[in-house]
Amino acid sequence: MCNLTIAIRCVMWYSIIVLKGTMVNPVGRKGILIMSIDRRHIYGIMIDTETANGLDCPLFYDVGWQVIDSHGRLYKSRSFVNRDIFVRERELMQSAYYNEKIPQYVEDIRNGTRIMADLYEIKQALADDVAEYGCKFICAHNAFFDYRSLNGTQRYVTKSKYRYFVPYGLEWWDTMKMAQSVICKMPTYLKFCRENGFMVSENRPKATAEILYRFISNDVNFVEEHKGIEDVDILDVHYLSLVSLQNLKTNKGCLIFAKNMHYF
């Protein structure tokens, strides 16, 4: 195992053991808050959505995000079930790719593990976090999908009266593109994917969040939960590994695929 691979895995365990606090946020599920705001850092949002209504026009019923800085450190965590889709579009929810998880969501809502809110309330919570930390970027794995699901849900629920979900001016970053330019080119990652059947083609390894986490954690049996905030947790590990080991200049917009140019 090369030194870089060992370093990646050391960073991964550091992020799990050291950076995962236990403070509880006023809104959302059990969250993370590791330190006070330091204006010398550049802050952003790591986000993930779970959707219904297929891939062409995805509508999110579950969203989770965490406030991080450009070094991958964690500050705050939020998780919401979208009442406008989960409850008010019950028939549509049957099209959710992971609809077998619906009973677990119901149970989590009943016991207070998850918070259910209207789309407006979720949007306002995100806007509050962006304003509080002065966030400059928003990041996701295969980010264009989440970009479409957030805005698509906003337009569906409001009948296009309001078209954009994310506050104006945030730069979108994609951890999948970051990983493809760094981790996926590593000989050890290619070897790992070939040995375990994680290849798209002969020379192209898979770059899903699940496979990347299996490599970073050295746990070939890891299964992604496909729930918003739980998946954000593993994206933070990806991001921290990339930033720490490759010195990505994320504050200058590493691999930005689009700017969120609209009015909030």
C-alpha atoms as a PDB file:
ATOM      1  CA  MET A   1       0.000   0.000   0.000  1.00  0.00           C
ATOM      2  CA  CYS A   2       1.500   3.350  -1.053  1.00  0.00           C
ATOM      3  CA  ASN A   3       2.081   6.209   1.374  1.00  0.00           C
ATOM      4  CA  LEU A   4      -0.655   8.302  -0.272  1.00  0.00           C
ATOM      5  CA  THR A   5      -3.232   5.579   0.267  1.00  0.00           C
ATOM      6  CA  ILE A   6      -2.205   5.215   3.903  1.00  0.00           C
ATOM      7  CA  ALA A   7      -2.433   8.997   4.312  1.00  0.00           C
ATOM      8  CA  ILE A   8      -5.924   9.103   2.813  1.00  0.00           C
ATOM      9  CA  ARG A   9      -7.133   6.460   5.231  1.00  0.00           C
ATOM     10  CA  CYS A  10      -5.501   8.210   8.186  1.00  0.00           C
ATOM     11  CA  VAL A  11      -7.323  11.416   7.225  1.00  0.00           C
ATOM     12  CA  MET A  12     -10.577   9.497   6.950  1.00  0.00           C
ATOM     13  CA  TRP A  13     -10.324   8.081  10.470  1.00  0.00           C
ATOM     14  CA  TYR A  14      -9.252  11.469  11.828  1.00  0.00           C
ATOM     15  CA  SER A  15     -12.364  13.032  10.337  1.00  0.00           C
ATOM     16  CA  ILE A  16     -14.623  10.388  11.892  1.00  0.00           C
ATOM     17  CA  ILE A  17     -13.024  10.304  15.344  1.00  0.00           C
ATOM     18  CA  VAL A  18     -11.962  13.928  15.874  1.00  0.00           C
ATOM     19  CA  LEU A  19     -14.257  16.111  13.805  1.00  0.00           C
ATOM     20  CA  LYS A  20     -17.572  14.440  14.637  1.00  0.00           C
ATOM     21  CA  GLY A  21     -18.885  16.330  17.649  1.00  0.00           C
ATOM     22  CA  THR A  22     -22.098  15.627  19.503  1.00  0.00           C
ATOM     23  CA  MET A  23     -23.742  19.009  19.987  1.00  0.00           C
ATOM     24  CA  VAL A  24     -27.387  19.310  19.026  1.00  0.00           C
ATOM     25  CA  ASN A  25     -28.577  22.090  16.734  1.00  0.00           C
ATOM     26  CA  PRO A  26     -31.800  23.998  17.460  1.00  0.00           C
ATOM     27  CA  VAL A  27     -33.291  22.765  14.184  1.00  0.00           C
ATOM     28  CA  GLY A  28     -32.697  19.412  12.530  1.00  0.00           C
ATOM     29  CA  ARG A  29     -31.258  16.083  13.681  1.00  0.00           C
ATOM     30  CA  LYS A  30     -28.296  15.534  15.973  1.00  0.00           C
ATOM     31  CA  GLY A  31     -25.649  17.824  14.569  1.00  0.00           C
ATOM     32  CA  ILE A  32     -22.047  18.889  14.600  1.00  0.00           C
ATOM     33  CA  LEU A  33     -20.494  22.101  15.796  1.00  0.00           C
ATOM     34  CA  ILE A  34     -16.751  21.969  16.305  1.00  0.00           C
ATOM     35  CA  MET A  35     -15.767  25.604  16.743  1.00  0.00           C
ATOM     36  CA  SER A  36     -16.916  29.193  16.565  1.00  0.00           C
ATOM     37  CA  ILE A  37     -16.988  31.167  13.334  1.00  0.00           C
ATOM     38  CA  ASP A  38     -13.568  32.382  12.215  1.00  0.00           C
ATOM     39  CA  ARG A  39     -13.835  34.898   9.390  1.00  0.00           C
ATOM     40  CA  ARG A  40     -10.355  33.973   8.176  1.00  0.00           C
ATOM     41  CA  HIS A  41     -11.858  30.739   6.824  1.00  0.00           C
ATOM     42  CA  ILE A  42     -14.017  30.294   3.732  1.00  0.00           C
ATOM     43  CA  TYR A  43     -17.267  28.476   4.504  1.00  0.00           C
ATOM     44  CA  GLY A  44     -19.610  26.456   2.343  1.00  0.00           C
ATOM     45  CA  ILE A  45     -22.417  23.897   2.292  1.00  0.00           C
ATOM     46  CA  MET A  46     -22.078  20.153   1.674  1.00  0.00           C
ATOM     47  CA  ILE A  47     -25.511  18.924   0.592  1.00  0.00           C
ATOM     48  CA  ASP A  48     -27.325  15.790  -0.550  1.00  0.00           C
ATOM     49  CA  THR A  49     -30.898  15.093  -1.625  1.00  0.00           C
ATOM     50  CA  GLU A  50     -33.021  11.966  -1.981  1.00  0.00           C
ATOM     51  CA  THR A  51     -35.675  12.227  -4.645  1.00  0.00           C
ATOM     52  CA  ALA A  52     -38.838  10.892  -6.234  1.00  0.00           C
ATOM     53  CA  ASN A  53     -40.326  11.392  -9.739  1.00  0.00           C
ATOM     54  CA  GLY A  54     -37.505   9.774 -11.703  1.00  0.00           C
ATOM     55  CA  LEU A  55     -34.236  11.200 -12.983  1.00  0.00           C
ATOM     56  CA  ASP A  56     -35.540  13.608 -15.635  1.00  0.00           C
ATOM     57  CA  CYS A  57     -37.362  15.835 -13.131  1.00  0.00           C
ATOM     58  CA  PRO A  58     -36.255  14.803  -9.630  1.00  0.00           C
ATOM     59  CA  LEU A  59     -38.155  16.207  -6.647  1.00  0.00           C
ATOM     60  CA  PHE A  60     -36.532  15.960  -3.233  1.00  0.00           C
ATOM     61  CA  TYR A  61     -38.295  14.545  -0.189  1.00  0.00           C
ATOM     62  CA  ASP A  62     -35.150  14.379   1.987  1.00  0.00           C
ATOM     63  CA  VAL A  63     -32.340  16.921   2.198  1.00  0.00           C
ATOM     64  CA  GLY A  64     -29.339  17.101   4.479  1.00  0.00           C
ATOM     65  CA  TRP A  65     -26.500  19.584   4.599  1.00  0.00           C
ATOM     66  CA  GLN A  66     -23.525  20.495   6.705  1.00  0.00           C
ATOM     67  CA  VAL A  67     -21.625  23.747   7.010  1.00  0.00           C
ATOM     68  CA  ILE A  68     -17.933  23.131   6.360  1.00  0.00           C
ATOM     69  CA  ASP A  69     -14.925  25.304   5.654  1.00  0.00           C
ATOM     70  CA  SER A  70     -12.617  24.992   2.652  1.00  0.00           C
ATOM     71  CA  HIS A  71     -10.361  22.671   4.678  1.00  0.00           C
ATOM     72  CA  GLY A  72     -13.216  20.226   5.222  1.00  0.00           C
ATOM     73  CA  ARG A  73     -13.821  20.979   8.910  1.00  0.00           C
ATOM     74  CA  LEU A  74     -17.390  20.539  10.130  1.00  0.00           C
ATOM     75  CA  TYR A  75     -19.416  23.248  11.890  1.00  0.00           C
ATOM     76  CA  LYS A  76     -23.120  22.535  11.635  1.00  0.00           C
ATOM     77  CA  SER A  77     -25.527  19.850  10.459  1.00  0.00           C
ATOM     78  CA  ARG A  78     -29.165  19.981   9.308  1.00  0.00           C
ATOM     79  CA  SER A  79     -31.617  17.378   8.081  1.00  0.00           C
ATOM     80  CA  PHE A  80     -35.207  17.765   6.879  1.00  0.00           C
ATOM     81  CA  VAL A  81     -37.963  15.691   5.349  1.00  0.00           C
ATOM     82  CA  ASN A  82     -39.880  17.816   2.845  1.00  0.00           C
ATOM     83  CA  ARG A  83     -43.573  17.758   3.812  1.00  0.00           C
ATOM     84  CA  ASP A  84     -44.632  19.156   0.424  1.00  0.00           C
ATOM     85  CA  ILE A  85     -43.406  15.998  -1.314  1.00  0.00           C
ATOM     86  CA  PHE A  86     -43.271  13.304   1.376  1.00  0.00           C
ATOM     87  CA  VAL A  87     -46.805  13.902   2.706  1.00  0.00           C
ATOM     88  CA  ARG A  88     -48.645  15.943   0.089  1.00  0.00           C
ATOM     89  CA  GLU A  89     -47.463  13.836  -2.867  1.00  0.00           C
ATOM     90  CA  ARG A  90     -47.969  10.334  -1.478  1.00  0.00           C
ATOM     91  CA  GLU A  91     -48.612   8.797  -4.879  1.00  0.00           C
ATOM     92  CA  LEU A  92     -45.531  10.455  -6.307  1.00  0.00           C
ATOM     93  CA  MET A  93     -43.475   9.090  -3.405  1.00  0.00           C
ATOM     94  CA  GLN A  94     -44.036   5.577  -4.717  1.00  0.00           C
ATOM     95  CA  SER A  95     -41.714   6.509  -7.596  1.00  0.00           C
ATOM     96  CA  ALA A  96     -38.842   7.169  -5.194  1.00  0.00           C
ATOM     97  CA  TYR A  97     -35.868   5.001  -6.112  1.00  0.00           C
ATOM     98  CA  TYR A  98     -35.495   3.987  -2.464  1.00  0.00           C
ATOM     99  CA  ASN A  99     -39.193   3.896  -1.609  1.00  0.00           C
ATOM    100  CA  GLU A 100     -38.643   0.829   0.577  1.00  0.00           C
ATOM    101  CA  LYS A 101     -37.131   3.267   3.100  1.00  0.00           C
ATOM    102  CA  ILE A 102     -40.390   5.227   3.486  1.00  0.00           C
ATOM    103  CA  PRO A 103     -41.529   3.293   6.613  1.00  0.00           C
ATOM    104  CA  GLN A 104     -38.202   4.087   8.298  1.00  0.00           C
ATOM    105  CA  TYR A 105     -38.672   7.792   7.544  1.00  0.00           C
ATOM    106  CA  VAL A 106     -42.161   7.640   9.085  1.00  0.00           C
ATOM    107  CA  GLU A 107     -40.767   6.008  12.209  1.00  0.00           C
ATOM    108  CA  ASP A 108     -37.886   8.509  12.426  1.00  0.00           C
ATOM    109  CA  ILE A 109     -40.334  11.416  12.169  1.00  0.00           C
ATOM    110  CA  ARG A 110     -42.525   9.931  14.889  1.00  0.00           C
ATOM    111  CA  ASN A 111     -39.650   9.430  17.323  1.00  0.00           C
ATOM    112  CA  GLY A 112     -38.104  12.826  16.576  1.00  0.00           C
ATOM    113  CA  THR A 113     -34.966  11.543  14.848  1.00  0.00           C
ATOM    114  CA  ARG A 114     -35.897  13.475  11.713  1.00  0.00           C
ATOM    115  CA  ILE A 115     -37.567  16.854  11.367  1.00  0.00           C
ATOM    116  CA  MET A 116     -40.329  17.384   8.813  1.00  0.00           C
ATOM    117  CA  ALA A 117     -40.865  20.874   7.431  1.00  0.00           C
ATOM    118  CA  ASP A 118     -42.438  22.708   4.502  1.00  0.00           C
ATOM    119  CA  LEU A 119     -40.250  23.592   1.548  1.00  0.00           C
ATOM    120  CA  TYR A 120     -40.287  27.275   2.527  1.00  0.00           C
ATOM    121  CA  GLU A 121     -39.034  26.466   6.025  1.00  0.00           C
ATOM    122  CA  ILE A 122     -36.231  24.285   4.653  1.00  0.00           C
ATOM    123  CA  LYS A 123     -35.219  26.948   2.170  1.00  0.00           C
ATOM    124  CA  GLN A 124     -35.160  29.565   4.925  1.00  0.00           C
ATOM    125  CA  ALA A 125     -33.033  27.337   7.173  1.00  0.00           C
ATOM    126  CA  LEU A 126     -30.468  26.979   4.382  1.00  0.00           C
ATOM    127  CA  ALA A 127     -30.515  30.726   3.752  1.00  0.00           C
ATOM    128  CA  ASP A 128     -29.991  31.369   7.484  1.00  0.00           C
ATOM    129  CA  ASP A 129     -26.949  29.069   7.594  1.00  0.00           C
ATOM    130  CA  VAL A 130     -25.451  30.623   4.463  1.00  0.00           C
ATOM    131  CA  ALA A 131     -25.917  34.102   5.936  1.00  0.00           C
ATOM    132  CA  GLU A 132     -24.627  33.145   9.406  1.00  0.00           C
ATOM    133  CA  TYR A 133     -21.367  31.711   8.086  1.00  0.00           C
ATOM    134  CA  GLY A 134     -21.042  33.877   4.992  1.00  0.00           C
ATOM    135  CA  CYS A 135     -20.882  30.757   2.810  1.00  0.00           C
ATOM    136  CA  LYS A 136     -19.233  31.075  -0.599  1.00  0.00           C
ATOM    137  CA  PHE A 137     -19.757  27.621  -2.126  1.00  0.00           C
ATOM    138  CA  ILE A 138     -22.145  24.677  -2.161  1.00  0.00           C
ATOM    139  CA  CYS A 139     -20.847  21.181  -2.801  1.00  0.00           C
ATOM    140  CA  ALA A 140     -22.377  17.790  -3.666  1.00  0.00           C
ATOM    141  CA  HIS A 141     -21.453  14.491  -5.295  1.00  0.00           C
ATOM    142  CA  ASN A 142     -22.683  14.551  -8.886  1.00  0.00           C
ATOM    143  CA  ALA A 143     -23.717  18.083  -8.027  1.00  0.00           C
ATOM    144  CA  PHE A 144     -25.761  18.816 -11.137  1.00  0.00           C
ATOM    145  CA  PHE A 145     -28.327  16.236 -10.004  1.00  0.00           C
ATOM    146  CA  ASP A 146     -28.793  17.998  -6.648  1.00  0.00           C
ATOM    147  CA  TYR A 147     -28.854  21.374  -8.404  1.00  0.00           C
ATOM    148  CA  ARG A 148     -31.762  20.120 -10.535  1.00  0.00           C
ATOM    149  CA  SER A 149     -33.605  18.437  -7.668  1.00  0.00           C
ATOM    150  CA  LEU A 150     -33.470  21.531  -5.445  1.00  0.00           C
ATOM    151  CA  ASN A 151     -34.565  23.965  -8.129  1.00  0.00           C
ATOM    152  CA  GLY A 152     -37.017  21.510  -9.674  1.00  0.00           C
ATOM    153  CA  THR A 153     -38.769  21.012  -6.349  1.00  0.00           C
ATOM    154  CA  GLN A 154     -38.912  24.767  -5.781  1.00  0.00           C
ATOM    155  CA  ARG A 155     -40.615  25.264  -9.142  1.00  0.00           C
ATOM    156  CA  TYR A 156     -42.959  22.295  -8.719  1.00  0.00           C
ATOM    157  CA  VAL A 157     -44.205  23.316  -5.272  1.00  0.00           C
ATOM    158  CA  THR A 158     -44.551  27.042  -6.040  1.00  0.00           C
ATOM    159  CA  LYS A 159     -45.776  26.488  -9.606  1.00  0.00           C
ATOM    160  CA  SER A 160     -42.674  28.394 -10.775  1.00  0.00           C
ATOM    161  CA  LYS A 161     -43.539  31.524  -8.811  1.00  0.00           C
ATOM    162  CA  TYR A 162     -40.113  31.020  -7.202  1.00  0.00           C
ATOM    163  CA  ARG A 163     -37.573  29.229  -9.332  1.00  0.00           C
ATOM    164  CA  TYR A 164     -34.346  28.881  -7.324  1.00  0.00           C
ATOM    165  CA  PHE A 165     -33.824  27.158  -3.993  1.00  0.00           C
ATOM    166  CA  VAL A 166     -30.210  28.006  -3.160  1.00  0.00           C
ATOM    167  CA  PRO A 167     -29.246  31.549  -2.091  1.00  0.00           C
ATOM    168  CA  TYR A 168     -27.848  33.777  -4.801  1.00  0.00           C
ATOM    169  CA  GLY A 169     -24.129  33.809  -5.531  1.00  0.00           C
ATOM    170  CA  LEU A 170     -22.952  30.439  -4.203  1.00  0.00           C
ATOM    171  CA  GLU A 171     -20.462  28.600  -6.422  1.00  0.00           C
ATOM    172  CA  TRP A 172     -21.295  24.954  -7.093  1.00  0.00           C
ATOM    173  CA  TRP A 173     -18.508  22.395  -6.599  1.00  0.00           C
ATOM    174  CA  ASP A 174     -18.677  18.679  -7.402  1.00  0.00           C
ATOM    175  CA  THR A 175     -16.861  16.121  -5.211  1.00  0.00           C
ATOM    176  CA  MET A 176     -17.270  13.508  -7.950  1.00  0.00           C
ATOM    177  CA  LYS A 177     -15.318  15.654 -10.406  1.00  0.00           C
ATOM    178  CA  MET A 178     -12.746  16.367  -7.711  1.00  0.00           C
ATOM    179  CA  ALA A 179     -12.354  12.651  -7.017  1.00  0.00           C
ATOM    180  CA  GLN A 180     -12.098  11.853 -10.732  1.00  0.00           C
ATOM    181  CA  SER A 181      -9.208  14.285 -11.053  1.00  0.00           C
ATOM    182  CA  VAL A 182      -7.359  13.031  -7.945  1.00  0.00           C
ATOM    183  CA  ILE A 183      -8.301   9.713  -6.304  1.00  0.00           C
ATOM    184  CA  CYS A 184      -9.548   7.951  -9.440  1.00  0.00           C
ATOM    185  CA  LYS A 185      -6.148   8.439 -11.092  1.00  0.00           C
ATOM    186  CA  MET A 186      -4.266   6.765  -8.247  1.00  0.00           C
ATOM    187  CA  PRO A 187      -2.805   3.336  -9.179  1.00  0.00           C
ATOM    188  CA  THR A 188      -3.954   1.969  -5.829  1.00  0.00           C
ATOM    189  CA  TYR A 189      -7.540   3.062  -6.500  1.00  0.00           C
ATOM    190  CA  LEU A 190      -7.493   1.490  -9.966  1.00  0.00           C
ATOM    191  CA  LYS A 191      -6.114  -1.723  -8.458  1.00  0.00           C
ATOM    192  CA  PHE A 192      -8.780  -1.667  -5.733  1.00  0.00           C
ATOM    193  CA  CYS A 193     -11.586  -1.235  -8.275  1.00  0.00           C
ATOM    194  CA  ARG A 194     -10.256  -3.918 -10.615  1.00  0.00           C
ATOM    195  CA  GLU A 195      -9.865  -6.447  -7.806  1.00  0.00           C
ATOM    196  CA  ASN A 196     -13.398  -5.837  -6.535  1.00  0.00           C
ATOM    197  CA  GLY A 197     -15.271  -5.409  -9.815  1.00  0.00           C
ATOM    198  CA  PHE A 198     -15.859  -1.674  -9.430  1.00  0.00           C
ATOM    199  CA  MET A 199     -14.988  -0.706 -13.014  1.00  0.00           C
ATOM    200  CA  VAL A 200     -17.194   1.077 -15.552  1.00  0.00           C
ATOM    201  CA  SER A 201     -14.896  -0.043 -18.367  1.00  0.00           C
ATOM    202  CA  GLU A 202     -11.426  -1.553 -18.630  1.00  0.00           C
ATOM    203  CA  ASN A 203      -9.602   1.647 -17.655  1.00  0.00           C
ATOM    204  CA  ARG A 204     -12.374   3.641 -16.007  1.00  0.00           C
ATOM    205  CA  PRO A 205     -13.133   3.046 -12.318  1.00  0.00           C
ATOM    206  CA  LYS A 206     -16.456   3.899 -10.739  1.00  0.00           C
ATOM    207  CA  ALA A 207     -16.543   7.233  -8.885  1.00  0.00           C
ATOM    208  CA  THR A 208     -19.714   6.849  -6.846  1.00  0.00           C
ATOM    209  CA  ALA A 209     -19.693   8.071  -3.262  1.00  0.00           C
ATOM    210  CA  GLU A 210     -20.151   4.503  -2.052  1.00  0.00           C
ATOM    211  CA  ILE A 211     -17.158   3.054  -3.929  1.00  0.00           C
ATOM    212  CA  LEU A 212     -14.901   5.972  -2.996  1.00  0.00           C
ATOM    213  CA  TYR A 213     -15.803   5.534   0.661  1.00  0.00           C
ATOM    214  CA  ARG A 214     -15.109   1.796   0.448  1.00  0.00           C
ATOM    215  CA  PHE A 215     -11.610   2.622  -0.792  1.00  0.00           C
ATOM    216  CA  ILE A 216     -10.923   5.404   1.705  1.00  0.00           C
ATOM    217  CA  SER A 217     -12.213   3.361   4.659  1.00  0.00           C
ATOM    218  CA  ASN A 218     -10.758   0.061   3.421  1.00  0.00           C
ATOM    219  CA  ASP A 219     -14.221  -1.446   3.929  1.00  0.00           C
ATOM    220  CA  VAL A 220     -15.274  -3.216   0.754  1.00  0.00           C
ATOM    221  CA  ASN A 221     -18.649  -4.133   2.284  1.00  0.00           C
ATOM    222  CA  PHE A 222     -19.732  -0.570   3.134  1.00  0.00           C
ATOM    223  CA  VAL A 223     -23.242   0.221   1.833  1.00  0.00           C
ATOM    224  CA  GLU A 224     -24.383   3.817   1.380  1.00  0.00           C
ATOM    225  CA  GLU A 225     -27.611   4.555   3.266  1.00  0.00           C
ATOM    226  CA  HIS A 226     -29.056   6.799   0.543  1.00  0.00           C
ATOM    227  CA  LYS A 227     -30.517   9.195   3.087  1.00  0.00           C
ATOM    228  CA  GLY A 228     -29.661  12.889   2.942  1.00  0.00           C
ATOM    229  CA  ILE A 229     -27.624  13.662   6.054  1.00  0.00           C
ATOM    230  CA  GLU A 230     -26.092  10.183   6.336  1.00  0.00           C
ATOM    231  CA  ASP A 231     -24.713  10.499   2.806  1.00  0.00           C
ATOM    232  CA  VAL A 232     -23.395  13.988   3.526  1.00  0.00           C
ATOM    233  CA  ASP A 233     -21.298  12.442   6.298  1.00  0.00           C
ATOM    234  CA  ILE A 234     -19.367  10.314   3.806  1.00  0.00           C
ATOM    235  CA  LEU A 235     -19.034  13.217   1.354  1.00  0.00           C
ATOM    236  CA  ASP A 236     -17.288  15.192   4.096  1.00  0.00           C
ATOM    237  CA  VAL A 237     -14.719  12.406   4.332  1.00  0.00           C
ATOM    238  CA  HIS A 238     -14.167  12.518   0.547  1.00  0.00           C
ATOM    239  CA  TYR A 239     -13.743  16.277   0.621  1.00  0.00           C
ATOM    240  CA  LEU A 240     -11.413  16.259   3.625  1.00  0.00           C
ATOM    241  CA  SER A 241      -9.232  13.610   1.983  1.00  0.00           C
ATOM    242  CA  LEU A 242      -9.017  15.566  -1.247  1.00  0.00           C
ATOM    243  CA  VAL A 243      -8.261  18.885   0.403  1.00  0.00           C
ATOM    244  CA  SER A 244      -5.768  17.569   2.920  1.00  0.00           C
ATOM    245  CA  LEU A 245      -3.774  15.352   0.577  1.00  0.00           C
ATOM    246  CA  GLN A 246      -3.830  17.241  -2.690  1.00  0.00           C
ATOM    247  CA  ASN A 247      -3.846  20.837  -1.399  1.00  0.00           C
ATOM    248  CA  LEU A 248      -6.773  21.742  -3.641  1.00  0.00           C
ATOM    249  CA  LYS A 249      -7.260  25.494  -3.890  1.00  0.00           C
ATOM    250  CA  THR A 250     -10.959  25.196  -3.246  1.00  0.00           C
ATOM    251  CA  ASN A 251     -11.261  28.790  -2.138  1.00  0.00           C
ATOM    252  CA  LYS A 252     -10.457  29.743  -5.740  1.00  0.00           C
ATOM    253  CA  GLY A 253     -13.186  27.524  -7.127  1.00  0.00           C
ATOM    254  CA  CYS A 254     -11.667  24.122  -7.835  1.00  0.00           C
ATOM    255  CA  LEU A 255     -13.638  22.399 -10.575  1.00  0.00           C
ATOM    256  CA  ILE A 256     -16.621  24.710 -10.437  1.00  0.00           C
ATOM    257  CA  PHE A 257     -19.064  23.607 -13.116  1.00  0.00           C
ATOM    258  CA  ALA A 258     -21.495  26.492 -12.778  1.00  0.00           C
ATOM    259  CA  LYS A 259     -22.300  29.595 -10.792  1.00  0.00           C
ATOM    260  CA  ASN A 260     -25.677  29.862  -9.162  1.00  0.00           C
ATOM    261  CA  MET A 261     -26.514  33.158 -10.864  1.00  0.00           C
ATOM    262  CA  HIS A 262     -29.992  34.104  -9.805  1.00  0.00           C
ATOM    263  CA  TYR A 263     -31.889  36.216  -7.329  1.00  0.00           C
ATOM    264  CA  PHE A 264     -32.843  34.607  -4.030  1.00  0.00           C
END
